Protein backbone atom coordinates (compact mmCIF):
# COMPACT_ATOMS: atom_id res chain seq x y z
CA MET A 1 0.06 -0.03 0.02
CA ALA A 2 2.87 2.42 0.63
CA VAL A 3 3.76 2.19 -2.99
CA LYS A 4 0.35 3.48 -4.22
CA ALA A 5 0.55 6.12 -1.60
CA SER A 6 3.91 7.18 -2.75
CA PHE A 7 2.62 7.22 -6.33
CA LEU A 8 -0.37 9.40 -5.43
CA ALA A 9 1.66 11.74 -3.64
CA CYS A 10 4.07 12.02 -6.60
CA PHE A 11 1.52 12.29 -9.43
CA ARG A 12 -1.79 13.56 -8.02
CA GLY A 13 -1.09 17.28 -9.02
CA GLU A 14 -0.54 16.17 -12.80
CA LEU A 15 -3.46 13.74 -12.78
CA LEU A 16 -6.01 16.09 -11.24
CA SER A 17 -5.00 18.99 -13.37
CA ASP A 18 -5.30 16.82 -16.41
CA ARG A 19 -1.71 17.18 -17.42
CA PRO A 20 -0.09 14.61 -19.74
CA LEU A 21 1.54 11.90 -17.92
CA LEU A 22 3.01 9.53 -20.25
CA LEU A 23 3.51 5.83 -19.11
CA SER A 24 6.89 5.51 -20.61
CA HIS A 25 8.20 8.47 -18.41
CA LEU A 26 6.56 7.58 -14.99
CA ASN A 27 9.73 5.38 -13.62
CA ASN A 28 12.24 8.10 -14.32
CA LEU A 29 9.87 10.93 -13.23
CA PHE A 30 9.40 9.34 -10.14
CA ARG A 31 12.96 8.28 -9.42
CA ALA A 32 13.92 11.85 -10.27
CA ARG A 33 11.19 13.56 -7.65
CA CYS A 34 11.44 10.86 -4.99
CA GLY A 35 14.79 9.70 -4.96
CA GLU A 36 13.96 5.90 -5.46
CA GLU A 37 12.45 3.49 -7.48
CA LEU A 38 8.73 2.96 -8.00
CA THR A 39 8.66 -0.70 -6.44
CA TYR A 40 5.35 -1.94 -7.95
CA LYS A 41 6.98 -5.37 -8.83
CA ALA A 42 7.71 -5.98 -4.92
CA CYS A 43 3.85 -5.70 -4.70
CA GLY A 44 3.25 -8.48 -7.07
CA TYR A 45 2.81 -6.65 -10.25
CA ALA A 46 4.53 -7.79 -13.20
CA LYS A 47 4.06 -4.60 -15.29
CA LEU A 48 3.63 -0.92 -14.37
CA ARG A 49 0.44 -0.92 -16.21
CA ASP A 50 -0.95 -3.53 -14.02
CA PHE A 51 -0.13 -1.69 -10.93
CA LEU A 52 -1.71 1.59 -12.44
CA MET A 53 -4.95 -0.41 -13.36
CA ASP A 54 -5.44 -1.30 -9.68
CA ILE A 55 -5.62 2.27 -8.70
CA PRO A 56 -9.36 3.30 -8.50
CA GLY A 57 -10.23 6.13 -10.69
CA LEU A 58 -7.40 5.76 -13.21
CA ARG A 59 -7.20 4.34 -16.70
CA LEU A 60 -4.60 4.06 -19.58
CA HIS A 61 -5.39 5.83 -22.93
CA GLY A 62 -3.35 5.68 -26.17
CA LEU A 63 -0.98 3.13 -27.62
CA GLY A 64 2.66 2.29 -27.44
CA ASN A 65 4.97 4.98 -26.18
CA GLN A 66 2.18 7.61 -26.19
CA MET A 67 0.20 5.65 -23.79
CA GLN A 68 -1.03 8.24 -21.04
CA VAL A 69 -2.31 7.60 -17.56
CA VAL A 70 -5.28 9.67 -17.09
CA VAL A 71 -8.38 10.14 -14.37
CA GLU A 72 -11.23 8.24 -15.47
CA ASP A 73 -13.46 8.78 -12.39
CA ARG A 74 -12.35 12.20 -10.65
CA SER A 75 -14.40 11.52 -7.66
CA VAL A 76 -13.22 8.05 -6.88
CA PHE A 77 -9.49 9.15 -7.47
CA GLU A 78 -9.86 12.34 -5.27
CA SER A 79 -11.54 10.23 -2.45
CA LEU A 80 -8.46 7.87 -2.61
CA CYS A 81 -5.81 10.71 -2.63
CA ASN A 82 -7.58 12.25 0.43
CA LYS A 83 -7.33 9.15 2.39
């Protein structure tokens, strides 16, 4: 659960502001901002997209290296961020 909380703390601003957040940049951006790896594999997820799809209110949009993480249900996502 700490990994999800770290992800939310790092990216909630972009996600709630509807700024582009490319899946292909997430690991590097997280490392640059937080000084550590996004350890989703240690939580049992084989792929980053699997980890993201398990966060309520988010979805992936697009294809290939243009795939973006977007908020699909703002109220659900905001509720999760405010826990």
